[in-house]
Amino acid sequence: MQTRILIIEDHVLVREAMALTLAQVGEGVSCQQASNATEAIAMLEADPDCDLLVVDLMLPEINGFSLLGVIAKRFPDVPALVVSALDDRESVQRAMKAGASGFVSKASPSNTLIEAVRTVLAGGVFTPEAATAGDNGNRNRRASQAFAERFQLTAAQGRVLELVAQGKSNRDIAEFLGLSEGTVKVHVSAILRALGVTSRAQALLMMTRAGLRV
């Protein structure tokens, strides 16, 4: 099965290095490249069958933050992973609110990028906090994804579930994912129904028993 990734980065050498790194994600990975947002949007309009976008924030003309907003509205089924040198907390939060499913600093090693891509492709969320969590964080993300698949949760519900497992409140999750608190409550209610429980505490207990660190 082929996995199609579109790299949106204005520096040719960086794009080519990313493509080489992303080839290590798994068999069947195919990388396309765009040098700016306009080119990327045109490519998606011509062929929207893309599994993941890798987006730089410091793009010419239309910056990455604006591009994320366009993607969220016009191509909502295509997740975006930001890879940027702008890795301060404000930039990370702004990117996530704009619709990114993950964020990797350009100062990170290649294995972090590979892990982030695998996490986002599986429907999860990847942030610098997750990257610094080490092996325990990686295991917890894998356990969270397996748990979500077991109960046939949607990708959006899986992202919310992962943040619930981290102990975040509905308000925190809404701010982190750029959603309304009402939308988060709808997702949480759907998760509780899928798990067959009636409270958040019972859901956390199920996750703990399944091996998730909560």
C-alpha atoms as a PDB file:
ATOM      1  CA  MET A   1       0.000   0.000   0.000  1.00  0.00           C
ATOM      2  CA  GLN A   2       1.442   3.349  -1.045  1.00  0.00           C
ATOM      3  CA  THR A   3       1.723   6.282   1.351  1.00  0.00           C
ATOM      4  CA  ARG A   4       1.791   9.649  -0.403  1.00  0.00           C
ATOM      5  CA  ILE A   5       3.481  12.573   1.344  1.00  0.00           C
ATOM      6  CA  LEU A   6       3.730  16.132   0.036  1.00  0.00           C
ATOM      7  CA  ILE A   7       6.691  18.141   1.379  1.00  0.00           C
ATOM      8  CA  ILE A   8       6.119  21.912   1.295  1.00  0.00           C
ATOM      9  CA  GLU A   9       9.470  23.644   1.851  1.00  0.00           C
ATOM     10  CA  ASP A  10      11.154  26.452  -0.079  1.00  0.00           C
ATOM     11  CA  HIS A  11      14.740  25.232   0.381  1.00  0.00           C
ATOM     12  CA  VAL A  12      15.614  22.523  -2.154  1.00  0.00           C
ATOM     13  CA  LEU A  13      18.316  20.850  -0.060  1.00  0.00           C
ATOM     14  CA  VAL A  14      15.994  20.654   2.959  1.00  0.00           C
ATOM     15  CA  ARG A  15      13.202  19.145   0.827  1.00  0.00           C
ATOM     16  CA  GLU A  16      15.523  16.543  -0.619  1.00  0.00           C
ATOM     17  CA  ALA A  17      16.925  15.658   2.817  1.00  0.00           C
ATOM     18  CA  MET A  18      13.391  15.274   4.179  1.00  0.00           C
ATOM     19  CA  ALA A  19      12.424  13.015   1.280  1.00  0.00           C
ATOM     20  CA  LEU A  20      15.393  10.763   2.000  1.00  0.00           C
ATOM     21  CA  THR A  21      14.473  10.635   5.687  1.00  0.00           C
ATOM     22  CA  LEU A  22      10.786   9.977   5.035  1.00  0.00           C
ATOM     23  CA  ALA A  23      11.662   7.035   2.801  1.00  0.00           C
ATOM     24  CA  GLN A  24      12.600   5.304   6.071  1.00  0.00           C
ATOM     25  CA  VAL A  25       9.032   5.575   7.413  1.00  0.00           C
ATOM     26  CA  GLY A  26       8.113   2.346   5.656  1.00  0.00           C
ATOM     27  CA  GLU A  27       7.682   0.569   2.353  1.00  0.00           C
ATOM     28  CA  GLY A  28       5.632   2.287  -0.300  1.00  0.00           C
ATOM     29  CA  VAL A  29       6.328   5.857   0.828  1.00  0.00           C
ATOM     30  CA  SER A  30       6.198   8.290  -2.096  1.00  0.00           C
ATOM     31  CA  CYS A  31       7.244  11.925  -1.584  1.00  0.00           C
ATOM     32  CA  GLN A  32       6.222  14.833  -3.774  1.00  0.00           C
ATOM     33  CA  GLN A  33       7.694  18.299  -3.305  1.00  0.00           C
ATOM     34  CA  ALA A  34       6.373  21.860  -3.487  1.00  0.00           C
ATOM     35  CA  SER A  35       8.426  25.020  -3.014  1.00  0.00           C
ATOM     36  CA  ASN A  36       5.569  27.251  -1.833  1.00  0.00           C
ATOM     37  CA  ALA A  37       1.945  27.276  -0.696  1.00  0.00           C
ATOM     38  CA  THR A  38       0.504  28.232  -4.091  1.00  0.00           C
ATOM     39  CA  GLU A  39       2.238  25.304  -5.776  1.00  0.00           C
ATOM     40  CA  ALA A  40       1.121  22.937  -3.005  1.00  0.00           C
ATOM     41  CA  ILE A  41      -2.532  24.006  -3.268  1.00  0.00           C
ATOM     42  CA  ALA A  42      -2.457  23.569  -7.047  1.00  0.00           C
ATOM     43  CA  MET A  43      -1.023  20.064  -6.629  1.00  0.00           C
ATOM     44  CA  LEU A  44      -3.727  19.139  -4.101  1.00  0.00           C
ATOM     45  CA  GLU A  45      -6.485  20.518  -6.320  1.00  0.00           C
ATOM     46  CA  ALA A  46      -5.184  18.459  -9.234  1.00  0.00           C
ATOM     47  CA  ASP A  47      -4.840  15.322  -7.107  1.00  0.00           C
ATOM     48  CA  PRO A  48      -6.168  15.487  -3.519  1.00  0.00           C
ATOM     49  CA  ASP A  49      -5.334  11.822  -2.842  1.00  0.00           C
ATOM     50  CA  CYS A  50      -2.564  12.625  -0.362  1.00  0.00           C
ATOM     51  CA  ASP A  51      -1.933  10.940   3.001  1.00  0.00           C
ATOM     52  CA  LEU A  52       0.140  13.642   4.714  1.00  0.00           C
ATOM     53  CA  LEU A  53       1.477  17.158   4.238  1.00  0.00           C
ATOM     54  CA  VAL A  54       4.829  18.167   5.737  1.00  0.00           C
ATOM     55  CA  VAL A  55       4.730  21.947   6.048  1.00  0.00           C
ATOM     56  CA  ASP A  56       7.378  24.576   6.784  1.00  0.00           C
ATOM     57  CA  LEU A  57       6.114  27.754   8.464  1.00  0.00           C
ATOM     58  CA  MET A  58       8.491  30.251   6.861  1.00  0.00           C
ATOM     59  CA  LEU A  59       7.272  29.960   3.277  1.00  0.00           C
ATOM     60  CA  PRO A  60       7.452  32.825   0.760  1.00  0.00           C
ATOM     61  CA  GLU A  61       4.301  34.843  -0.050  1.00  0.00           C
ATOM     62  CA  ILE A  62       1.785  32.675   1.851  1.00  0.00           C
ATOM     63  CA  ASN A  63       3.273  31.529   5.165  1.00  0.00           C
ATOM     64  CA  GLY A  64       2.745  28.132   6.711  1.00  0.00           C
ATOM     65  CA  PHE A  65       0.207  29.334   9.281  1.00  0.00           C
ATOM     66  CA  SER A  66      -2.058  30.689   6.529  1.00  0.00           C
ATOM     67  CA  LEU A  67      -1.536  27.540   4.463  1.00  0.00           C
ATOM     68  CA  LEU A  68      -2.648  25.383   7.407  1.00  0.00           C
ATOM     69  CA  GLY A  69      -5.893  27.356   7.549  1.00  0.00           C
ATOM     70  CA  VAL A  70      -6.520  26.835   3.841  1.00  0.00           C
ATOM     71  CA  ILE A  71      -5.791  23.107   4.142  1.00  0.00           C
ATOM     72  CA  ALA A  72      -8.142  22.736   7.116  1.00  0.00           C
ATOM     73  CA  LYS A  73     -10.998  24.304   5.136  1.00  0.00           C
ATOM     74  CA  ARG A  74     -10.404  22.935   1.630  1.00  0.00           C
ATOM     75  CA  PHE A  75      -8.705  19.597   2.331  1.00  0.00           C
ATOM     76  CA  PRO A  76      -9.921  18.626   5.842  1.00  0.00           C
ATOM     77  CA  ASP A  77      -9.150  14.935   5.359  1.00  0.00           C
ATOM     78  CA  VAL A  78      -5.435  15.538   4.738  1.00  0.00           C
ATOM     79  CA  PRO A  79      -3.413  15.813   7.979  1.00  0.00           C
ATOM     80  CA  ALA A  80      -0.519  18.268   8.189  1.00  0.00           C
ATOM     81  CA  LEU A  81       2.734  17.905  10.102  1.00  0.00           C
ATOM     82  CA  VAL A  82       4.702  21.109  10.659  1.00  0.00           C
ATOM     83  CA  VAL A  83       8.502  20.900  10.508  1.00  0.00           C
ATOM     84  CA  SER A  84       9.952  24.289  11.342  1.00  0.00           C
ATOM     85  CA  ALA A  85      12.825  26.212  12.883  1.00  0.00           C
ATOM     86  CA  LEU A  86      10.171  28.355  14.575  1.00  0.00           C
ATOM     87  CA  ASP A  87       9.811  25.981  17.506  1.00  0.00           C
ATOM     88  CA  ASP A  88       8.879  28.326  20.358  1.00  0.00           C
ATOM     89  CA  ARG A  89       5.787  27.457  22.387  1.00  0.00           C
ATOM     90  CA  GLU A  90       3.695  30.241  20.830  1.00  0.00           C
ATOM     91  CA  SER A  91       4.461  29.035  17.285  1.00  0.00           C
ATOM     92  CA  VAL A  92       3.660  25.437  18.214  1.00  0.00           C
ATOM     93  CA  GLN A  93       0.307  26.391  19.744  1.00  0.00           C
ATOM     94  CA  ARG A  94      -0.531  28.683  16.832  1.00  0.00           C
ATOM     95  CA  ALA A  95       0.230  25.925  14.319  1.00  0.00           C
ATOM     96  CA  MET A  96      -1.878  23.388  16.195  1.00  0.00           C
ATOM     97  CA  LYS A  97      -4.787  25.836  16.429  1.00  0.00           C
ATOM     98  CA  ALA A  98      -4.484  26.458  12.687  1.00  0.00           C
ATOM     99  CA  GLY A  99      -5.081  22.772  12.052  1.00  0.00           C
ATOM    100  CA  ALA A 100      -1.732  20.955  12.267  1.00  0.00           C
ATOM    101  CA  SER A 101      -1.779  17.395  13.589  1.00  0.00           C
ATOM    102  CA  GLY A 102       1.833  17.537  14.697  1.00  0.00           C
ATOM    103  CA  PHE A 103       4.920  19.695  15.092  1.00  0.00           C
ATOM    104  CA  VAL A 104       8.606  18.835  14.806  1.00  0.00           C
ATOM    105  CA  SER A 105      11.494  21.231  15.315  1.00  0.00           C
ATOM    106  CA  LYS A 106      14.089  21.325  12.546  1.00  0.00           C
ATOM    107  CA  ALA A 107      16.650  20.920  15.315  1.00  0.00           C
ATOM    108  CA  SER A 108      15.283  17.419  16.008  1.00  0.00           C
ATOM    109  CA  PRO A 109      17.076  14.252  14.846  1.00  0.00           C
ATOM    110  CA  SER A 110      15.719  12.349  11.854  1.00  0.00           C
ATOM    111  CA  ASN A 111      14.260   9.561  14.001  1.00  0.00           C
ATOM    112  CA  THR A 112      11.978  12.133  15.661  1.00  0.00           C
ATOM    113  CA  LEU A 113      10.619  13.166  12.265  1.00  0.00           C
ATOM    114  CA  ILE A 114      10.036   9.519  11.355  1.00  0.00           C
ATOM    115  CA  GLU A 115       8.213   8.889  14.639  1.00  0.00           C
ATOM    116  CA  ALA A 116       6.113  12.029  14.157  1.00  0.00           C
ATOM    117  CA  VAL A 117       5.093  11.006  10.629  1.00  0.00           C
ATOM    118  CA  ARG A 118       4.114   7.526  11.783  1.00  0.00           C
ATOM    119  CA  THR A 119       2.106   8.977  14.667  1.00  0.00           C
ATOM    120  CA  VAL A 120       0.176  11.444  12.509  1.00  0.00           C
ATOM    121  CA  LEU A 121      -0.436   8.879   9.751  1.00  0.00           C
ATOM    122  CA  ALA A 122      -1.955   6.632  12.444  1.00  0.00           C
ATOM    123  CA  GLY A 123      -4.329   9.413  13.460  1.00  0.00           C
ATOM    124  CA  GLY A 124      -2.387  10.632  16.475  1.00  0.00           C
ATOM    125  CA  VAL A 125      -0.977  13.991  17.555  1.00  0.00           C
ATOM    126  CA  PHE A 126       2.757  14.703  17.820  1.00  0.00           C
ATOM    127  CA  THR A 127       4.266  17.731  19.573  1.00  0.00           C
ATOM    128  CA  PRO A 128       7.693  18.724  20.930  1.00  0.00           C
ATOM    129  CA  GLU A 129       6.437  17.637  24.362  1.00  0.00           C
ATOM    130  CA  ALA A 130       5.853  14.157  22.989  1.00  0.00           C
ATOM    131  CA  ALA A 131       9.287  14.169  21.381  1.00  0.00           C
ATOM    132  CA  THR A 132      10.994  14.826  24.715  1.00  0.00           C
ATOM    133  CA  ALA A 133       9.009  12.122  26.475  1.00  0.00           C
ATOM    134  CA  GLY A 134      11.408   9.440  25.259  1.00  0.00           C
ATOM    135  CA  ASP A 135      10.583   5.736  25.037  1.00  0.00           C
ATOM    136  CA  ASN A 136       7.792   5.973  27.592  1.00  0.00           C
ATOM    137  CA  GLY A 137       6.053   8.618  25.463  1.00  0.00           C
ATOM    138  CA  ASN A 138       6.465   6.524  22.332  1.00  0.00           C
ATOM    139  CA  ARG A 139       5.024   3.462  24.038  1.00  0.00           C
ATOM    140  CA  ASN A 140       2.110   5.494  25.363  1.00  0.00           C
ATOM    141  CA  ARG A 141       1.298   6.865  21.895  1.00  0.00           C
ATOM    142  CA  ARG A 142       1.370   3.370  20.417  1.00  0.00           C
ATOM    143  CA  ALA A 143      -0.852   2.082  23.221  1.00  0.00           C
ATOM    144  CA  SER A 144      -3.258   4.988  22.697  1.00  0.00           C
ATOM    145  CA  GLN A 145      -3.475   4.311  18.948  1.00  0.00           C
ATOM    146  CA  ALA A 146      -4.044   0.581  19.501  1.00  0.00           C
ATOM    147  CA  PHE A 147      -6.741   1.369  22.074  1.00  0.00           C
ATOM    148  CA  ALA A 148      -8.502   3.734  19.637  1.00  0.00           C
ATOM    149  CA  GLU A 149      -8.390   1.139  16.848  1.00  0.00           C
ATOM    150  CA  ARG A 150      -9.741  -1.534  19.171  1.00  0.00           C
ATOM    151  CA  PHE A 151     -12.888   0.507  19.803  1.00  0.00           C
ATOM    152  CA  GLN A 152     -13.127   1.727  16.186  1.00  0.00           C
ATOM    153  CA  LEU A 153     -12.772   5.395  17.080  1.00  0.00           C
ATOM    154  CA  THR A 154     -12.446   7.973  14.305  1.00  0.00           C
ATOM    155  CA  ALA A 155      -9.147   9.799  13.734  1.00  0.00           C
ATOM    156  CA  ALA A 156     -10.539  12.902  15.457  1.00  0.00           C
ATOM    157  CA  GLN A 157     -11.760  10.855  18.430  1.00  0.00           C
ATOM    158  CA  GLY A 158      -8.370   9.154  18.594  1.00  0.00           C
ATOM    159  CA  ARG A 159      -6.607  12.523  18.848  1.00  0.00           C
ATOM    160  CA  VAL A 160      -8.967  13.605  21.630  1.00  0.00           C
ATOM    161  CA  LEU A 161      -8.515  10.263  23.399  1.00  0.00           C
ATOM    162  CA  GLU A 162      -4.732  10.647  23.380  1.00  0.00           C
ATOM    163  CA  LEU A 163      -5.017  14.047  25.054  1.00  0.00           C
ATOM    164  CA  VAL A 164      -7.586  12.715  27.541  1.00  0.00           C
ATOM    165  CA  ALA A 165      -5.047  10.032  28.449  1.00  0.00           C
ATOM    166  CA  GLN A 166      -2.535  12.822  29.126  1.00  0.00           C
ATOM    167  CA  GLY A 167      -4.957  14.238  31.695  1.00  0.00           C
ATOM    168  CA  LYS A 168      -5.922  17.338  29.706  1.00  0.00           C
ATOM    169  CA  SER A 169      -9.302  18.935  30.365  1.00  0.00           C
ATOM    170  CA  ASN A 170     -11.875  19.583  27.646  1.00  0.00           C
ATOM    171  CA  ARG A 171     -10.839  23.238  27.636  1.00  0.00           C
ATOM    172  CA  ASP A 172      -7.154  22.310  27.298  1.00  0.00           C
ATOM    173  CA  ILE A 173      -7.933  19.889  24.462  1.00  0.00           C
ATOM    174  CA  ALA A 174     -10.039  22.506  22.672  1.00  0.00           C
ATOM    175  CA  GLU A 175      -7.241  25.062  22.888  1.00  0.00           C
ATOM    176  CA  PHE A 176      -4.587  22.543  21.861  1.00  0.00           C
ATOM    177  CA  LEU A 177      -6.461  21.258  18.783  1.00  0.00           C
ATOM    178  CA  GLY A 178      -8.050  24.565  17.823  1.00  0.00           C
ATOM    179  CA  LEU A 179     -11.588  23.246  18.368  1.00  0.00           C
ATOM    180  CA  SER A 180     -14.544  24.636  20.273  1.00  0.00           C
ATOM    181  CA  GLU A 181     -15.070  23.202  23.727  1.00  0.00           C
ATOM    182  CA  GLY A 182     -18.493  22.007  22.562  1.00  0.00           C
ATOM    183  CA  THR A 183     -16.925  19.968  19.764  1.00  0.00           C
ATOM    184  CA  VAL A 184     -14.511  18.372  22.225  1.00  0.00           C
ATOM    185  CA  LYS A 185     -17.433  17.463  24.497  1.00  0.00           C
ATOM    186  CA  VAL A 186     -19.163  15.781  21.549  1.00  0.00           C
ATOM    187  CA  HIS A 187     -16.004  13.765  20.820  1.00  0.00           C
ATOM    188  CA  VAL A 188     -15.609  12.787  24.492  1.00  0.00           C
ATOM    189  CA  SER A 189     -19.261  11.683  24.674  1.00  0.00           C
ATOM    190  CA  ALA A 190     -18.790   9.554  21.548  1.00  0.00           C
ATOM    191  CA  ILE A 191     -15.644   8.021  23.051  1.00  0.00           C
ATOM    192  CA  LEU A 192     -17.486   7.130  26.269  1.00  0.00           C
ATOM    193  CA  ARG A 193     -20.266   5.463  24.264  1.00  0.00           C
ATOM    194  CA  ALA A 194     -17.757   3.490  22.197  1.00  0.00           C
ATOM    195  CA  LEU A 195     -15.990   2.336  25.374  1.00  0.00           C
ATOM    196  CA  GLY A 196     -19.309   1.430  27.017  1.00  0.00           C
ATOM    197  CA  VAL A 197     -18.717   3.621  30.056  1.00  0.00           C
ATOM    198  CA  THR A 198     -20.591   6.567  31.544  1.00  0.00           C
ATOM    199  CA  SER A 199     -17.829   8.726  32.985  1.00  0.00           C
ATOM    200  CA  ARG A 200     -14.385  10.088  32.169  1.00  0.00           C
ATOM    201  CA  ALA A 201     -13.017   8.378  35.287  1.00  0.00           C
ATOM    202  CA  GLN A 202     -14.199   4.971  34.060  1.00  0.00           C
ATOM    203  CA  ALA A 203     -12.639   5.678  30.658  1.00  0.00           C
ATOM    204  CA  LEU A 204      -9.312   6.570  32.302  1.00  0.00           C
ATOM    205  CA  LEU A 205      -9.468   3.350  34.305  1.00  0.00           C
ATOM    206  CA  MET A 206      -9.998   1.344  31.097  1.00  0.00           C
ATOM    207  CA  MET A 207      -7.069   3.106  29.471  1.00  0.00           C
ATOM    208  CA  THR A 208      -4.843   2.411  32.464  1.00  0.00           C
ATOM    209  CA  ARG A 209      -5.759  -1.296  32.376  1.00  0.00           C
ATOM    210  CA  ALA A 210      -4.971  -1.283  28.630  1.00  0.00           C
ATOM    211  CA  GLY A 211      -1.453  -0.084  29.351  1.00  0.00           C
ATOM    212  CA  LEU A 212      -1.798   3.637  28.752  1.00  0.00           C
ATOM    213  CA  ARG A 213       0.055   5.996  31.087  1.00  0.00           C
ATOM    214  CA  VAL A 214      -2.544   8.478  32.342  1.00  0.00           C
END
